[in-house]
Protein backbone atom coordinates (compact mmCIF):
# COMPACT_ATOMS: atom_id res chain seq x y z
CA MET A 1 63.89 151.96 -134.05
CA ALA A 2 66.23 155.19 -134.17
CA LYS A 3 65.38 156.44 -137.63
CA LYS A 4 68.97 156.71 -138.60
CA THR A 5 70.47 153.76 -137.41
CA ALA A 6 73.31 152.31 -139.73
CA ILE A 7 73.02 148.67 -140.38
CA ALA A 8 76.62 148.44 -140.64
CA LEU A 9 76.73 148.37 -137.17
CA ARG A 10 75.09 144.44 -137.70
CA ASN A 11 79.29 144.21 -138.96
CA GLN A 12 80.81 145.41 -135.09
CA VAL A 13 82.25 143.08 -132.46
CA ILE A 14 82.25 144.72 -128.99
CA TYR A 15 84.50 143.77 -126.27
CA SER A 16 83.34 144.04 -122.64
CA VAL A 17 86.05 145.58 -120.06
CA TYR A 18 85.38 144.84 -116.32
CA VAL A 19 88.18 147.51 -115.45
CA ARG A 20 88.20 146.27 -111.57
CA ASN A 21 88.69 143.01 -112.65
CA HIS A 22 89.97 142.66 -116.05
CA THR A 23 93.80 142.96 -114.71
CA ALA A 24 95.48 142.30 -111.74
CA GLU A 25 96.40 145.78 -111.25
CA GLY A 26 92.46 146.68 -112.26
CA THR A 27 93.32 150.42 -113.50
CA PHE A 28 92.91 152.08 -116.75
CA ALA A 29 96.22 151.79 -117.37
CA ALA A 30 96.52 148.21 -116.99
CA VAL A 31 93.67 147.85 -119.57
CA GLU A 32 95.74 150.21 -121.55
CA LYS A 33 98.52 148.02 -121.91
CA ASP A 34 96.24 144.90 -122.94
CA ILE A 35 94.39 147.09 -125.95
CA ASP A 36 96.65 145.87 -128.72
CA ARG A 37 95.77 142.41 -127.75
CA ILE A 38 91.72 143.21 -127.69
CA HIS A 39 92.28 145.25 -131.02
CA ALA A 40 94.19 142.20 -132.64
CA LEU A 41 91.08 139.45 -131.24
CA GLY A 42 89.08 141.56 -133.64
CA THR A 43 87.21 144.76 -131.87
CA ASP A 44 85.54 147.51 -133.25
CA ILE A 45 84.12 148.67 -130.02
CA VAL A 46 85.24 148.49 -126.49
CA TRP A 47 82.55 149.04 -124.20
CA LEU A 48 84.19 150.01 -120.22
CA MET A 49 81.62 148.58 -117.21
CA PRO A 50 81.22 151.77 -115.32
CA ILE A 51 84.27 154.03 -114.84
CA HIS A 52 82.49 156.51 -111.99
CA PRO A 53 83.36 156.44 -108.05
CA ILE A 54 81.02 153.52 -106.23
CA GLY A 55 78.69 154.12 -102.92
CA GLU A 56 79.81 153.07 -99.50
CA GLU A 57 75.95 153.00 -97.91
CA ALA A 58 74.14 149.64 -98.57
CA ARG A 59 77.37 148.39 -100.46
CA LYS A 60 77.29 144.79 -101.36
CA GLY A 61 80.48 142.91 -100.88
CA GLN A 62 83.91 143.98 -100.18
CA ALA A 63 84.24 146.67 -103.11
CA GLY A 64 80.88 147.14 -104.21
CA SER A 65 78.66 146.81 -107.47
CA PRO A 66 80.26 149.23 -109.84
CA TYR A 67 76.29 149.66 -110.92
CA ALA A 68 75.93 151.82 -107.65
CA ILE A 69 77.14 154.85 -108.89
CA ARG A 70 78.11 157.73 -106.50
CA ASP A 71 78.62 160.27 -108.68
CA TYR A 72 78.03 160.22 -112.39
CA ARG A 73 80.40 163.21 -113.25
CA ASP A 74 83.49 161.85 -111.88
CA ILE A 75 85.92 159.32 -112.08
CA ASN A 76 86.15 155.71 -110.03
CA PRO A 77 89.79 156.80 -108.29
CA ALA A 78 90.53 153.27 -108.01
CA TYR A 79 90.89 152.67 -111.67
CA GLY A 80 92.70 155.91 -112.06
CA THR A 81 92.51 159.73 -112.72
CA ARG A 82 90.55 161.40 -115.57
CA ALA A 83 93.58 161.88 -117.48
CA ASP A 84 94.39 158.34 -116.96
CA PHE A 85 90.82 157.74 -118.42
CA CYS A 86 91.46 159.91 -121.51
CA ARG A 87 94.59 157.92 -122.06
CA LEU A 88 93.15 155.09 -122.31
CA VAL A 89 90.14 156.51 -124.91
CA ASP A 90 93.04 157.62 -126.84
CA ALA A 91 94.97 154.49 -126.94
CA ILE A 92 91.36 152.53 -128.19
CA HIS A 93 91.07 155.89 -130.56
CA ALA A 94 94.51 154.91 -132.18
CA ARG A 95 93.35 151.67 -133.03
CA GLY A 96 90.56 152.59 -134.92
CA MET A 97 88.23 151.23 -132.45
CA LYS A 98 85.67 153.40 -130.78
CA CYS A 99 85.17 153.41 -126.98
CA ILE A 100 81.83 153.52 -125.09
CA ILE A 101 80.86 153.59 -121.66
CA ASP A 102 78.36 152.29 -119.10
CA VAL A 103 75.32 154.82 -118.52
CA VAL A 104 73.11 153.40 -115.29
CA TYR A 105 70.41 156.00 -115.19
CA ASN A 106 67.69 154.38 -113.17
CA HIS A 107 69.36 154.18 -109.88
CA THR A 108 72.54 155.95 -107.72
CA SER A 109 73.74 154.26 -104.54
CA PRO A 110 71.74 155.33 -101.72
CA ASP A 111 74.94 158.06 -100.79
CA SER A 112 75.02 159.65 -104.17
CA TRP A 113 75.75 163.35 -104.88
CA LEU A 114 72.39 163.51 -106.55
CA ARG A 115 70.72 162.08 -103.53
CA ASN A 116 72.49 164.37 -101.32
CA HIS A 117 71.56 167.41 -103.40
CA HIS A 118 68.51 166.82 -105.11
CA PRO A 119 66.85 164.38 -102.79
CA GLU A 120 63.55 165.18 -104.65
CA TRP A 121 64.28 163.74 -108.12
CA PHE A 122 64.17 160.19 -106.38
CA PHE A 123 61.50 157.51 -105.80
CA HIS A 124 59.96 157.57 -102.73
CA LYS A 125 58.11 154.73 -100.87
CA ALA A 126 54.53 155.46 -99.21
CA ASP A 127 56.45 156.37 -95.70
CA GLY A 128 58.64 159.20 -97.71
CA SER A 129 61.64 157.18 -97.05
CA PHE A 130 64.20 156.13 -100.58
CA GLY A 131 63.81 152.95 -102.19
CA ASN A 132 63.83 150.94 -105.08
CA GLN A 133 61.41 149.26 -107.18
CA VAL A 134 62.97 145.58 -107.78
CA ALA A 135 63.31 144.03 -104.57
CA ASP A 136 66.70 142.66 -104.91
CA TRP A 137 68.52 145.63 -105.96
CA GLY A 138 69.05 146.48 -102.51
CA ASP A 139 72.04 148.76 -102.67
CA ILE A 140 70.70 151.21 -104.63
CA ILE A 141 67.90 153.49 -104.87
CA ASP A 142 65.65 154.72 -107.65
CA LEU A 143 65.39 158.00 -109.61
CA ASP A 144 62.08 159.56 -110.67
CA TYR A 145 61.79 160.51 -114.28
CA ILE A 146 58.13 160.85 -114.27
CA HIS A 147 57.79 164.02 -112.07
CA ASN A 148 61.17 165.48 -112.30
CA PRO A 149 62.08 167.37 -115.29
CA ASP A 150 65.27 169.10 -113.96
CA LEU A 151 66.62 165.26 -113.61
CA TRP A 152 66.24 165.14 -117.26
CA ASP A 153 68.11 168.04 -117.76
CA TYR A 154 71.03 167.53 -115.45
CA GLN A 155 71.21 163.87 -117.15
CA ILE A 156 71.41 165.19 -120.50
CA ASP A 157 73.89 167.57 -119.67
CA THR A 158 76.22 164.90 -118.39
CA LEU A 159 75.75 162.58 -120.90
CA LYS A 160 77.07 165.78 -123.29
CA MET A 161 79.71 165.82 -121.06
CA TRP A 162 81.08 162.44 -121.86
CA ALA A 163 80.01 162.43 -125.53
CA SER A 164 82.80 164.92 -125.59
CA ILE A 165 85.31 162.25 -124.53
CA VAL A 166 83.78 158.92 -126.00
CA ASP A 167 82.03 157.43 -128.69
CA GLY A 168 78.70 156.03 -127.26
CA PHE A 169 76.89 154.34 -124.51
CA ARG A 170 75.39 151.34 -123.39
CA CYS A 171 72.23 152.23 -121.10
CA ASP A 172 71.95 149.72 -118.09
CA VAL A 173 68.25 148.57 -117.76
CA ALA A 174 67.15 151.23 -120.29
CA PRO A 175 63.66 149.98 -120.58
CA LEU A 176 62.63 151.14 -117.05
CA VAL A 177 63.85 154.74 -117.93
CA PRO A 178 61.30 156.35 -120.26
CA VAL A 179 61.85 156.13 -123.78
CA GLU A 180 60.86 159.80 -124.29
CA PHE A 181 63.89 160.34 -121.73
CA TRP A 182 66.25 158.36 -124.31
CA GLU A 183 64.83 159.84 -127.43
CA ARG A 184 65.63 163.53 -126.21
CA ALA A 185 68.77 162.55 -124.66
CA ARG A 186 69.67 161.20 -128.19
CA GLU A 187 68.41 164.73 -130.02
CA GLU A 188 70.59 166.49 -127.60
CA VAL A 189 73.54 164.60 -127.63
CA ALA A 190 74.14 164.64 -131.14
CA GLN A 191 74.73 168.09 -131.37
CA ILE A 192 78.07 167.25 -129.66
CA ASN A 193 78.63 163.64 -131.62
CA PRO A 194 76.41 163.19 -134.10
CA ASP A 195 77.99 159.79 -134.65
CA CYS A 196 76.80 158.32 -130.87
CA ILE A 197 76.41 155.07 -130.69
CA TRP A 198 73.12 154.16 -128.54
CA LEU A 199 73.08 150.31 -127.19
CA ALA A 200 69.99 149.33 -124.47
CA GLU A 201 70.50 146.77 -122.12
CA SER A 202 67.07 145.66 -123.09
CA VAL A 203 65.38 143.21 -120.86
CA GLU A 204 63.41 139.67 -120.79
CA PRO A 205 60.10 140.17 -122.16
CA SER A 206 58.75 138.49 -118.57
CA PHE A 207 60.90 141.43 -116.43
CA VAL A 208 58.81 143.93 -118.68
CA LYS A 209 55.66 141.95 -117.49
CA GLU A 210 56.88 141.71 -114.15
CA ASN A 211 57.22 145.21 -113.98
CA ARG A 212 54.04 146.36 -115.57
CA ASP A 213 52.10 143.92 -113.17
CA HIS A 214 53.45 145.83 -110.61
CA GLY A 215 52.61 148.96 -111.78
CA VAL A 216 56.08 150.23 -112.84
CA TYR A 217 57.08 151.70 -115.84
CA ALA A 218 59.15 149.33 -118.53
CA ALA A 219 59.43 149.71 -122.17
CA SER A 220 59.33 146.74 -124.73
CA ASP A 221 61.93 146.13 -126.83
CA CYS A 222 60.15 147.99 -130.01
CA GLU A 223 59.17 150.91 -127.94
CA THR A 224 63.14 150.81 -126.81
CA PHE A 225 64.34 150.64 -130.26
CA ARG A 226 62.72 154.41 -130.79
CA ALA A 227 65.62 155.92 -129.56
CA PHE A 228 68.47 153.09 -129.50
CA ASP A 229 70.66 151.81 -132.09
CA MET A 230 71.26 148.32 -130.62
CA GLU A 231 69.47 146.04 -127.86
CA TYR A 232 70.49 142.88 -126.07
CA ASP A 233 69.08 139.52 -127.42
CA TYR A 234 67.38 138.84 -124.05
CA ASP A 235 64.09 138.26 -126.26
CA MET A 236 65.53 135.49 -127.11
CA LYS A 237 67.26 134.40 -123.33
CA GLU A 238 64.40 132.02 -122.64
CA TYR A 239 64.34 130.05 -125.60
CA PHE A 240 68.05 129.80 -125.61
CA MET A 241 68.01 128.41 -122.23
CA ASP A 242 65.13 126.32 -122.85
CA TYR A 243 67.53 124.53 -126.00
CA LEU A 244 70.28 124.30 -124.19
CA ASN A 245 68.53 122.33 -121.40
CA ARG A 246 66.81 120.21 -124.24
CA LYS A 247 63.36 121.51 -123.05
CA ILE A 248 62.71 122.75 -126.87
CA PRO A 249 63.84 121.34 -129.68
CA LEU A 250 66.44 123.33 -131.93
CA SER A 251 63.78 124.38 -134.39
CA ARG A 252 61.60 126.35 -131.94
CA TYR A 253 64.71 128.26 -130.78
CA VAL A 254 65.84 129.19 -134.57
CA GLU A 255 62.17 130.07 -135.21
CA MET A 256 61.79 132.59 -132.86
CA LEU A 257 65.38 133.76 -133.76
CA LEU A 258 63.43 134.18 -137.46
CA ARG A 259 60.67 135.77 -135.80
CA GLN A 260 62.97 139.09 -134.94
CA GLU A 261 62.95 139.75 -138.62
CA MET A 262 59.29 140.28 -139.15
CA ILE A 263 58.56 142.00 -135.92
CA TYR A 264 61.47 144.81 -135.81
CA PRO A 265 62.25 147.54 -138.10
CA GLN A 266 63.85 146.55 -140.82
CA ASN A 267 67.14 148.75 -139.84
CA TYR A 268 66.60 146.47 -136.39
CA VAL A 269 70.36 145.81 -134.63
CA LYS A 270 70.46 142.96 -131.86
CA MET A 271 73.44 142.71 -130.11
CA ARG A 272 74.11 138.68 -129.95
CA HIS A 273 76.31 137.19 -126.76
CA LEU A 274 76.95 134.14 -125.30
CA GLU A 275 77.69 136.02 -122.07
CA ASN A 276 78.23 139.04 -120.02
CA HIS A 277 78.75 140.24 -116.59
CA ASP A 278 75.20 139.49 -115.60
CA ASN A 279 74.83 135.63 -116.71
CA PRO A 280 77.20 132.40 -116.53
CA ARG A 281 80.06 132.26 -118.87
CA ALA A 282 79.81 130.46 -122.33
CA ARG A 283 82.29 128.25 -120.76
CA ASP A 284 80.25 127.20 -117.64
CA LEU A 285 76.96 126.67 -119.96
CA ILE A 286 78.85 124.67 -122.76
CA PRO A 287 81.87 123.14 -121.28
CA ASP A 288 82.44 120.87 -124.04
CA MET A 289 84.95 122.72 -126.40
CA ALA A 290 84.04 121.55 -129.68
CA ARG A 291 80.04 122.76 -128.99
CA LEU A 292 81.36 125.93 -127.73
CA LYS A 293 83.59 126.70 -131.02
CA ASN A 294 80.36 125.81 -133.02
CA TRP A 295 77.73 127.98 -130.29
CA THR A 296 80.66 130.91 -130.80
CA ALA A 297 80.59 130.97 -134.54
CA PHE A 298 76.67 130.71 -134.86
CA MET A 299 76.55 133.75 -132.58
CA TYR A 300 79.07 135.67 -134.48
CA PHE A 301 76.94 134.46 -138.10
CA LEU A 302 73.63 135.59 -136.87
CA ARG A 303 72.55 139.11 -137.77
CA GLY A 304 73.32 141.54 -135.37
CA SER A 305 76.25 142.92 -133.69
CA MET A 306 78.84 140.74 -131.77
CA LEU A 307 79.56 140.94 -127.82
CA LEU A 308 82.80 139.25 -126.29
CA PHE A 309 83.17 139.62 -122.33
CA GLY A 310 86.93 139.83 -121.49
CA GLY A 311 87.89 136.47 -120.92
CA GLN A 312 85.83 135.07 -123.07
CA GLU A 313 88.70 134.52 -125.77
CA LYS A 314 90.31 131.93 -123.42
CA ALA A 315 87.29 130.22 -122.85
CA VAL A 316 87.12 131.21 -119.02
CA ALA A 317 84.63 129.43 -117.13
CA HIS A 318 84.83 131.70 -114.00
CA ARG A 319 82.70 134.73 -114.18
CA PRO A 320 84.06 137.83 -112.14
CA ASP A 321 82.31 138.73 -108.78
CA LEU A 322 80.22 142.05 -109.42
CA PHE A 323 80.85 143.07 -105.78
CA ASN A 324 84.41 142.19 -104.99
CA VAL A 325 88.12 142.15 -106.56
CA ASP A 326 88.22 139.10 -108.39
CA PRO A 327 90.37 139.56 -111.87
CA VAL A 328 89.93 136.91 -114.47
CA ASP A 329 92.59 134.47 -114.24
CA TRP A 330 93.89 134.39 -118.09
CA ASN A 331 95.61 131.58 -118.08
CA GLY A 332 94.07 128.90 -115.48
CA GLU A 333 93.15 125.50 -115.24
CA GLY A 334 90.98 124.59 -118.40
CA THR A 335 91.31 127.97 -120.24
CA GLU A 336 91.95 127.39 -124.19
CA ASP A 337 92.58 130.19 -126.91
CA LEU A 338 89.49 130.50 -129.09
CA THR A 339 92.01 134.16 -130.43
CA LEU A 340 92.18 132.07 -133.67
CA LEU A 341 89.06 131.20 -134.32
CA MET A 342 87.77 134.72 -133.02
CA GLN A 343 90.04 136.39 -135.69
CA SER A 344 88.65 134.03 -138.71
CA LEU A 345 85.25 134.77 -137.14
CA TYR A 346 85.68 138.50 -136.95
CA ALA A 347 86.50 138.56 -140.85
CA ILE A 348 83.31 136.75 -141.65
CA LYS A 349 81.54 139.30 -139.25
CA HIS A 350 82.51 142.37 -141.69
CA ASP A 351 81.07 140.60 -144.79
CA PRO A 352 78.46 142.89 -145.69
CA ILE A 353 76.50 140.17 -146.73
CA LEU A 354 75.81 139.68 -143.03
CA ALA A 355 74.29 143.00 -142.65
CA ASP A 356 71.67 143.43 -145.93
CA GLY A 357 71.42 140.04 -147.01
CA GLN A 358 68.26 138.20 -147.66
CA LEU A 359 68.24 135.60 -144.23
CA ASP A 360 66.87 132.43 -144.13
CA MET A 361 67.62 129.70 -140.92
CA LYS A 362 66.81 125.75 -140.70
CA ALA A 363 67.15 123.79 -137.87
CA ASP A 364 67.83 119.72 -138.21
CA ASP A 365 66.57 118.66 -134.87
CA VAL A 366 67.89 115.14 -135.87
CA HIS A 367 71.39 116.18 -135.51
CA ASP A 368 71.05 119.48 -133.81
CA VAL A 369 72.35 121.35 -136.10
CA ALA A 370 71.60 125.02 -137.68
CA THR A 371 71.60 126.24 -141.43
CA ILE A 372 71.64 130.47 -141.80
CA LEU A 373 71.59 131.51 -145.25
CA TYR A 374 72.40 134.69 -146.36
CA ARG A 375 71.62 135.87 -149.95
CA LYS A 376 72.27 138.84 -152.18
CA GLU A 377 72.61 139.52 -156.00
CA GLY A 378 73.26 135.95 -156.56
CA ARG A 379 75.55 135.18 -153.89
CA THR A 380 74.56 132.73 -151.33
CA CYS A 381 76.83 132.58 -147.87
CA VAL A 382 75.86 129.50 -145.84
CA GLY A 383 76.78 128.67 -142.46
CA VAL A 384 76.77 125.26 -140.82
CA PHE A 385 76.63 124.90 -136.65
CA SER A 386 76.71 121.68 -135.39
CA LEU A 387 75.41 122.72 -131.66
CA MET A 388 75.70 118.97 -130.36
CA ALA A 389 79.19 118.99 -132.47
CA ASN A 390 77.50 115.90 -133.85
CA GLU A 391 78.61 114.51 -137.22
CA ALA A 392 75.85 114.97 -139.84
CA ARG A 393 74.94 115.16 -143.50
CA VAL A 394 72.76 118.60 -144.10
CA PRO A 395 70.92 119.87 -147.32
CA VAL A 396 72.46 122.94 -148.88
CA PRO A 397 72.01 125.04 -151.54
CA ALA A 398 75.01 124.35 -153.23
CA ALA A 399 76.24 122.28 -156.10
CA ASP A 400 78.17 118.92 -155.78
CA GLY A 401 81.83 119.74 -154.97
CA VAL A 402 84.67 120.61 -152.45
CA TYR A 403 84.56 124.32 -150.61
CA GLN A 404 86.64 126.21 -148.56
CA ASN A 405 85.28 126.36 -144.87
CA ARG A 406 86.26 130.73 -144.17
CA VAL A 407 86.29 129.29 -140.57
CA ASP A 408 89.46 127.34 -140.68
CA GLY A 409 90.74 127.40 -144.69
CA SER A 410 89.75 123.05 -144.36
CA ALA A 411 88.11 121.48 -147.33
CA VAL A 412 84.37 120.90 -147.04
CA THR A 413 82.31 118.89 -149.67
CA VAL A 414 78.81 118.73 -150.64
CA GLU A 415 77.76 115.43 -152.10
CA ASN A 416 74.56 114.69 -153.30
CA GLY A 417 73.43 118.28 -152.41
CA GLU A 418 74.46 117.66 -148.77
CA LEU A 419 76.92 119.20 -146.73
CA ILE A 420 79.55 116.51 -144.91
CA VAL A 421 79.37 117.97 -141.63
CA GLU A 422 82.24 116.29 -139.40
CA GLY A 423 81.48 118.24 -135.94
CA GLY A 424 82.46 121.66 -136.61
CA PRO A 425 81.62 125.22 -137.43
CA VAL A 426 81.19 125.60 -141.46
CA VAL A 427 80.74 129.05 -143.24
CA PHE A 428 81.21 128.88 -147.28
CA ASP A 429 79.82 130.60 -150.06
CA CYS A 430 78.52 129.16 -153.12
């Protein structure tokens, strides 16, 4: 874990913007017009998916993946100019939010500036041709950090350039780039921006093993935490999906979540999410709105920061295409506005007890109800989440009486040491 990581990051909500598909226009200027709404939703950090030019060679789809980058130091002209980008960042800052951008350092497009000017900095196959070490990533070629110290200098200088404009970086497949590179990058970027935020797209443990089995470098979550403030919670993805698909009981999933408190450094920060640009929409995974509201509240209440992907607040079921122009249909059939729910959850997320309180979790496998407890200095904050939207009576450490549900202001009753759950998420103090 980065030694200087502040656990206050556990109280932060991150909002991911896919510039091409966030609006019909697909520009920085159009995103800027939406910043007030994004801020009002309850957002601390705006993450812009890659802002750089996209390669032409081996392009997938009509528009190409924004993760097949042609030039790390330039702006995608389809999104606007550098001045447009800076105006967007200024607008984000003016609302008291921070802005982070995507850093895609494991690979570039096959026709990138680096490939044309420094072909020696790339991975080469046995026949000497360019290639990549992950077979299905056919629109990119891998960089080689192991044998090219000059590549480190170039990439870190690029980070320092952007760090003078933005507040941090979300680093794509960070475990495939040496942790030592990220440690040095963090140290040097701190000279420009000592408060820079570092978010790693860490990967599933099975993906780490698969790469290592094939002789490809891959860092574990524990190793990646040496350089980064936050990581994805992909170490929980298998258990999350297995529970959704009824392959394991809720207690097994909760057990693994609580295990994070024991295996990571004391100031670890996991970024919780129900969806992102690489995975199905939450509404697709959890079509029932009552269940989706419980799951949304559950993720907000877990230890760690919270990610929202543009469109999630309207329960959009369709995930925007990564390779084509495919704008979010904000008011399409089946959408439902979750803004009020997320605004109330944002206030709860910013409760300091969620950052440094003593954490415990329990599961009722019969009713599929998860209970999360935070305790500090005589205060207990209780979250009860009926993940199948069942009615139930759940034991809670509270005196009998009527309490106010912080999620929606409703009254909830504790009777004979049990909370009467009527199917919706409940958060209360006792």
